[in-house]
Amino acid sequence: MNLVGRHLIDPSNFSLEEIDHILTIARDMEKNTRKYSEVCKGKILATCFYEPSTRTRLSFESAMLRLGGSVLGFSDAANSSASKGESVSDTVRVMDAYSDIVVMRHNREGAPKLASQYSSVPIINGGDGGHQHPTQTLTDLLTIKNLKGEIKDLKVALCGDLKYGRTVHSLLKTLARYENMSFYLVSPEALKIPSYIKEYVVSNYNVEIIETDNLDEAISKVDVLYMTRIQRERFFNEEDYVKLKDSYILTKNKIQPAKEDMLIMHPLPRVNEIYCDVDDDKRAVYFYQAKCGVYVRMSLMANLLGVLDDVDCK
């Protein structure tokens, strides 16, 4: 499986076979972390984060350090030459000279794709505006695979901000590629999934999609409940955000009708959409999900950098 030198801008950049290969290596890395502790020795990851991040940036840094590599970069556009007006294309050409692989998060849709057109090293999209978040999708897939055994024959509810939620855009488009998947899309009318995404998955994969604004309608029927926060930073005015911010709140009482083995997932950070009284429920896996993000990013970078030839990954 040759992924060396490839960019990851959208999950569709990789075939299902390539995605499953990344997940397989990630599972081995979780079990045998020490085996991979020097495969990226001498390699440098550049983190170009024009938008705030905790989990994505730090999990990439943790992943590279666990592989024996080094990290440089910036965590805020204000701390980079972007504050002086430097373009993305110029920044990435400089990072190209300083590093072996680049992860970029940007508030503008398409910025990582633009960067990939000017870079000779792999570019990984760490989230671009309300568009895509492919490494979060890999994280979510690894979580489901580890806890469900395989990714097929599942009913999945995606709940919250489906209009601007880049995590659900990437996840829906990818899960739809697996066998016999169906979806509940739970959101207020103002935050429904963009029609082009829904039309894409239905026309290409013939999946069943039910749209509703009622979480109670879905919660007893699904195998995976994927909660998302209403994203204040995506709204143009505060009034619209205030109207919608408490649309869905998951409590211990709320999940009583759910299946015993349902997974409650969340890309984090959460605000108030999952109460802390849910955290101790065995179905709440969002902190384990964050842990999976380290191993899947280790696998992704190791594959893109082509450093696994001398390691038995079975």
Protein backbone atom coordinates (compact mmCIF):
# COMPACT_ATOMS: atom_id res chain seq x y z
CA MET A 1 0.00 0.00 0.00
CA ASN A 2 1.97 3.02 -1.25
CA LEU A 3 0.88 6.28 0.36
CA VAL A 4 4.31 7.90 0.30
CA GLY A 5 4.29 11.59 -0.58
CA ARG A 6 0.50 11.83 -0.85
CA HIS A 7 -1.59 14.75 0.45
CA LEU A 8 -4.71 14.29 2.60
CA ILE A 9 -7.11 17.16 1.98
CA ASP A 10 -10.40 15.25 1.82
CA PRO A 11 -11.12 11.67 2.98
CA SER A 12 -12.00 10.81 -0.62
CA ASN A 13 -8.30 11.27 -1.50
CA PHE A 14 -7.82 7.73 -0.15
CA SER A 15 -9.59 4.53 -1.16
CA LEU A 16 -11.34 2.46 1.50
CA GLU A 17 -8.50 -0.07 1.23
CA GLU A 18 -5.97 2.70 1.95
CA ILE A 19 -8.04 3.99 4.88
CA ASP A 20 -8.35 0.50 6.33
CA HIS A 21 -4.59 0.04 5.94
CA ILE A 22 -4.00 3.23 7.98
CA LEU A 23 -6.41 1.96 10.65
CA THR A 24 -4.69 -1.43 10.79
CA ILE A 25 -1.28 0.16 11.37
CA ALA A 26 -2.82 2.54 13.94
CA ARG A 27 -4.20 -0.41 15.90
CA ASP A 28 -0.76 -2.00 15.99
CA MET A 29 0.80 1.30 17.05
CA GLU A 30 -1.65 1.49 19.95
CA LYS A 31 -0.67 -2.02 21.10
CA ASN A 32 3.07 -1.79 20.34
CA THR A 33 3.97 1.90 20.57
CA ARG A 34 7.64 1.27 21.42
CA LYS A 35 8.15 -0.67 18.19
CA TYR A 36 7.62 2.56 16.26
CA SER A 37 9.46 4.92 18.61
CA GLU A 38 12.27 5.82 16.18
CA VAL A 39 10.76 5.37 12.71
CA CYS A 40 10.57 9.15 12.19
CA LYS A 41 13.95 9.98 13.71
CA GLY A 42 15.31 12.96 11.79
CA LYS A 43 11.87 13.89 10.39
CA ILE A 44 10.22 17.24 11.11
CA LEU A 45 6.51 18.02 11.27
CA ALA A 46 5.40 21.63 10.65
CA THR A 47 2.13 22.61 12.32
CA CYS A 48 0.56 25.62 10.60
CA PHE A 49 -2.52 26.46 12.67
CA TYR A 50 -4.26 29.65 11.59
CA GLU A 51 -7.19 28.75 13.85
CA PRO A 52 -7.25 27.67 17.53
CA SER A 53 -6.91 23.97 18.30
CA THR A 54 -6.15 21.75 21.25
CA ARG A 55 -6.72 18.12 20.29
CA THR A 56 -5.79 18.25 16.61
CA ARG A 57 -2.56 20.23 17.02
CA LEU A 58 -1.37 18.51 20.19
CA SER A 59 -2.29 15.02 18.97
CA PHE A 60 -0.23 15.62 15.82
CA GLU A 61 2.67 16.84 17.94
CA SER A 62 2.32 13.88 20.31
CA ALA A 63 2.14 11.53 17.33
CA MET A 64 5.35 12.83 15.75
CA LEU A 65 7.21 12.84 19.08
CA ARG A 66 6.11 9.24 19.73
CA LEU A 67 7.53 8.33 16.31
CA GLY A 68 10.87 9.88 17.25
CA GLY A 69 10.56 13.00 15.11
CA SER A 70 10.53 16.73 15.86
CA VAL A 71 7.95 19.50 15.59
CA LEU A 72 7.98 23.18 14.67
CA GLY A 73 5.24 25.60 13.73
CA PHE A 74 2.75 28.17 14.97
CA SER A 75 -0.56 27.85 16.83
CA ASP A 76 -2.13 31.18 15.91
CA ALA A 77 -2.12 33.20 12.70
CA ALA A 78 -1.36 36.29 14.82
CA ASN A 79 1.97 34.68 15.72
CA SER A 80 2.94 34.08 12.10
CA SER A 81 3.73 36.21 9.07
CA ALA A 82 0.07 35.84 8.05
CA SER A 83 -0.47 38.81 10.39
CA LYS A 84 1.77 40.79 8.03
CA GLY A 85 -0.23 39.70 5.00
CA GLU A 86 1.81 36.70 3.85
CA SER A 87 -0.15 34.35 1.61
CA VAL A 88 -0.77 30.65 2.32
CA SER A 89 1.19 29.73 -0.80
CA ASP A 90 4.26 31.67 0.38
CA THR A 91 4.04 30.26 3.90
CA VAL A 92 3.86 26.69 2.70
CA ARG A 93 6.81 27.14 0.34
CA VAL A 94 8.86 28.24 3.34
CA MET A 95 7.59 25.31 5.46
CA ASP A 96 8.49 23.05 2.55
CA ALA A 97 12.12 24.01 3.09
CA TYR A 98 11.96 23.60 6.86
CA SER A 99 10.07 20.33 7.28
CA ASP A 100 9.23 16.90 5.88
CA ILE A 101 5.45 17.02 6.36
CA VAL A 102 2.93 19.80 7.11
CA VAL A 103 -0.43 19.82 8.87
CA MET A 104 -2.51 22.96 8.25
CA ARG A 105 -5.67 24.21 9.92
CA HIS A 106 -7.27 27.28 8.42
CA ASN A 107 -10.51 29.20 8.86
CA ARG A 108 -10.93 29.46 5.09
CA GLU A 109 -12.29 26.53 3.11
CA GLY A 110 -9.80 25.28 0.55
CA ALA A 111 -6.64 26.74 2.11
CA PRO A 112 -4.95 23.34 2.68
CA LYS A 113 -5.81 22.30 -0.88
CA LEU A 114 -4.20 25.49 -2.16
CA ALA A 115 -1.15 24.77 0.01
CA SER A 116 -0.84 21.28 -1.49
CA GLN A 117 -0.46 22.81 -4.95
CA TYR A 118 2.73 24.62 -3.83
CA SER A 119 4.29 21.94 -1.62
CA SER A 120 6.68 19.13 -2.42
CA VAL A 121 6.10 17.55 1.02
CA PRO A 122 2.82 15.96 2.15
CA ILE A 123 0.11 18.39 3.27
CA ILE A 124 -2.49 17.19 5.77
CA ASN A 125 -5.72 19.13 6.20
CA GLY A 126 -6.20 19.70 9.94
CA GLY A 127 -9.59 21.33 9.32
CA ASP A 128 -10.57 24.05 6.86
CA GLY A 129 -13.42 26.31 7.93
CA GLY A 130 -16.79 24.54 7.77
CA HIS A 131 -15.59 22.24 4.99
CA GLN A 132 -13.64 19.06 5.90
CA HIS A 133 -11.66 17.48 8.75
CA PRO A 134 -10.23 14.22 7.35
CA THR A 135 -7.97 13.24 10.25
CA GLN A 136 -10.88 13.58 12.68
CA THR A 137 -12.72 11.15 10.41
CA LEU A 138 -9.81 8.69 10.58
CA THR A 139 -9.93 9.08 14.38
CA ASP A 140 -13.68 8.37 14.39
CA LEU A 141 -13.29 5.33 12.16
CA LEU A 142 -10.57 3.88 14.39
CA THR A 143 -12.78 4.41 17.44
CA ILE A 144 -15.73 2.63 15.81
CA LYS A 145 -13.57 -0.20 14.47
CA ASN A 146 -11.90 -0.78 17.85
CA LEU A 147 -15.19 -0.81 19.76
CA LYS A 148 -17.57 -2.37 17.22
CA GLY A 149 -15.12 -4.77 15.58
CA GLU A 150 -15.94 -3.67 12.04
CA ILE A 151 -17.48 -0.76 10.20
CA LYS A 152 -20.62 -2.01 8.48
CA ASP A 153 -24.35 -2.58 9.13
CA LEU A 154 -24.55 0.42 11.46
CA LYS A 155 -27.17 3.07 12.10
CA VAL A 156 -25.49 6.38 12.90
CA ALA A 157 -27.03 9.60 14.21
CA LEU A 158 -25.15 12.84 13.54
CA CYS A 159 -26.52 15.53 15.84
CA GLY A 160 -26.05 19.28 16.24
CA ASP A 161 -24.42 21.70 13.83
CA LEU A 162 -24.55 19.81 10.55
CA LYS A 163 -24.33 22.95 8.41
CA TYR A 164 -20.91 24.20 9.51
CA GLY A 165 -19.65 21.01 11.20
CA ARG A 166 -16.64 19.93 9.16
CA THR A 167 -16.27 16.80 11.28
CA VAL A 168 -19.70 15.50 10.27
CA HIS A 169 -19.20 16.49 6.62
CA SER A 170 -16.10 14.31 6.38
CA LEU A 171 -17.53 11.51 8.50
CA LEU A 172 -20.82 11.19 6.62
CA LYS A 173 -19.10 11.11 3.23
CA THR A 174 -16.71 8.41 4.46
CA LEU A 175 -19.04 6.17 6.49
CA ALA A 176 -21.42 6.10 3.53
CA ARG A 177 -18.73 4.22 1.59
CA TYR A 178 -18.93 1.25 3.95
CA GLU A 179 -21.41 -1.62 3.63
CA ASN A 180 -25.06 -1.21 4.64
CA MET A 181 -24.86 2.07 6.55
CA SER A 182 -27.83 4.31 7.38
CA PHE A 183 -28.03 7.74 8.97
CA TYR A 184 -30.20 10.00 11.10
CA LEU A 185 -29.28 13.65 10.56
CA VAL A 186 -30.50 15.52 13.65
CA SER A 187 -30.39 19.31 13.57
CA PRO A 188 -32.44 22.49 13.73
CA GLU A 189 -33.72 23.63 10.34
CA ALA A 190 -31.17 26.46 10.28
CA LEU A 191 -28.26 24.03 10.73
CA LYS A 192 -29.22 21.21 8.36
CA ILE A 193 -26.54 19.40 6.39
CA PRO A 194 -25.69 21.20 3.12
CA SER A 195 -27.82 19.73 0.34
CA TYR A 196 -24.80 19.04 -1.88
CA ILE A 197 -23.33 16.68 0.74
CA LYS A 198 -26.59 14.80 1.25
CA GLU A 199 -27.15 14.51 -2.50
CA TYR A 200 -23.57 13.28 -2.99
CA VAL A 201 -23.84 10.38 -0.52
CA VAL A 202 -27.32 9.35 -1.65
CA SER A 203 -26.49 9.40 -5.37
CA ASN A 204 -23.10 7.71 -4.99
CA TYR A 205 -23.76 5.18 -2.22
CA ASN A 206 -27.56 4.80 -2.08
CA VAL A 207 -27.63 5.07 1.70
CA GLU A 208 -30.74 5.65 3.77
CA ILE A 209 -30.89 9.14 5.29
CA ILE A 210 -33.57 10.38 7.68
CA GLU A 211 -33.53 14.09 8.53
CA THR A 212 -35.21 15.21 11.75
CA ASP A 213 -35.01 17.91 14.40
CA ASN A 214 -36.00 15.42 17.12
CA LEU A 215 -33.15 13.57 18.83
CA ASP A 216 -35.60 11.40 20.79
CA GLU A 217 -36.79 9.96 17.49
CA ALA A 218 -33.34 8.54 16.76
CA ILE A 219 -31.70 7.78 20.09
CA SER A 220 -33.27 4.35 20.68
CA LYS A 221 -32.56 3.13 17.16
CA VAL A 222 -28.91 3.93 16.48
CA ASP A 223 -25.61 2.13 17.09
CA VAL A 224 -23.57 5.34 17.14
CA LEU A 225 -24.62 8.79 18.36
CA TYR A 226 -22.21 11.47 17.17
CA MET A 227 -22.82 14.73 19.04
CA THR A 228 -21.38 18.08 17.95
CA ARG A 229 -21.42 21.52 19.49
CA ILE A 230 -23.21 24.51 17.98
CA GLN A 231 -20.16 26.44 16.75
CA ARG A 232 -20.29 30.03 17.93
CA GLU A 233 -17.34 31.01 15.71
CA ARG A 234 -19.22 30.09 12.50
CA PHE A 235 -22.13 32.48 13.13
CA PHE A 236 -22.25 35.96 11.65
CA ASN A 237 -24.20 37.41 14.58
CA GLU A 238 -24.56 36.54 18.26
CA GLU A 239 -28.38 36.56 18.22
CA ASP A 240 -28.60 33.61 15.82
CA TYR A 241 -26.11 31.64 17.92
CA VAL A 242 -28.00 32.28 21.17
CA LYS A 243 -31.24 31.03 19.60
CA LEU A 244 -29.68 27.71 18.63
CA LYS A 245 -26.91 27.02 21.16
CA ASP A 246 -29.06 24.84 23.46
CA SER A 247 -30.84 22.90 20.71
CA TYR A 248 -29.59 19.50 21.90
CA ILE A 249 -28.39 18.61 25.37
CA LEU A 250 -27.54 15.01 26.22
CA THR A 251 -28.15 13.96 29.83
CA LYS A 252 -28.17 10.63 31.66
CA ASN A 253 -31.95 10.57 31.51
CA LYS A 254 -31.93 11.37 27.81
CA ILE A 255 -29.90 8.27 26.93
CA GLN A 256 -31.98 5.78 28.96
CA PRO A 257 -33.84 4.45 25.88
CA ALA A 258 -30.57 3.91 23.94
CA LYS A 259 -29.06 0.52 23.16
CA GLU A 260 -26.71 -0.89 25.78
CA ASP A 261 -23.84 -0.97 23.29
CA MET A 262 -24.49 2.36 21.57
CA LEU A 263 -21.40 4.54 21.24
CA ILE A 264 -21.68 8.19 22.29
CA MET A 265 -19.04 10.10 20.34
CA HIS A 266 -18.02 13.75 20.13
CA PRO A 267 -15.05 15.37 18.32
CA LEU A 268 -14.63 17.81 21.25
CA PRO A 269 -14.49 20.45 22.56
CA ARG A 270 -17.92 20.25 24.09
CA VAL A 271 -19.74 23.19 25.62
CA ASN A 272 -23.00 22.03 27.23
CA GLU A 273 -24.34 19.56 24.65
CA ILE A 274 -23.24 16.57 26.76
CA TYR A 275 -23.69 16.89 30.51
CA CYS A 276 -20.87 15.62 32.71
CA ASP A 277 -23.24 13.04 34.25
CA VAL A 278 -22.96 11.13 30.95
CA ASP A 279 -19.17 10.80 31.21
CA ASP A 280 -19.30 7.77 33.51
CA ASP A 281 -21.69 5.86 31.26
CA LYS A 282 -19.91 2.96 29.53
CA ARG A 283 -21.33 4.15 26.21
CA ALA A 284 -19.54 7.52 26.43
CA VAL A 285 -16.34 7.06 24.42
CA TYR A 286 -15.35 10.61 23.46
CA PHE A 287 -12.21 10.71 25.62
CA TYR A 288 -11.10 7.35 24.26
CA GLN A 289 -11.88 8.80 20.83
CA ALA A 290 -9.39 11.62 21.49
CA LYS A 291 -6.77 9.03 22.45
CA CYS A 292 -7.35 7.20 19.16
CA GLY A 293 -6.48 10.44 17.38
CA VAL A 294 -2.82 10.11 18.38
CA TYR A 295 -2.40 6.60 16.97
CA VAL A 296 -4.23 7.23 13.73
CA ARG A 297 -2.14 10.34 13.10
CA MET A 298 1.02 8.37 13.88
CA SER A 299 -0.04 5.83 11.25
CA LEU A 300 -0.99 8.49 8.71
CA MET A 301 2.30 10.40 8.97
CA ALA A 302 4.42 7.24 9.00
CA ASN A 303 2.69 6.06 5.83
CA LEU A 304 2.96 9.42 4.04
CA LEU A 305 6.64 9.65 4.98
CA GLY A 306 7.37 6.07 3.91
CA VAL A 307 9.23 5.09 7.07
CA LEU A 308 7.65 1.70 7.76
CA ASP A 309 9.61 -0.51 5.38
CA ASP A 310 11.83 -1.94 8.12
CA VAL A 311 9.02 -2.47 10.66
CA ASP A 312 6.84 -5.57 10.96
CA CYS A 313 3.42 -3.92 11.12
CA LYS A 314 1.39 -7.15 11.38
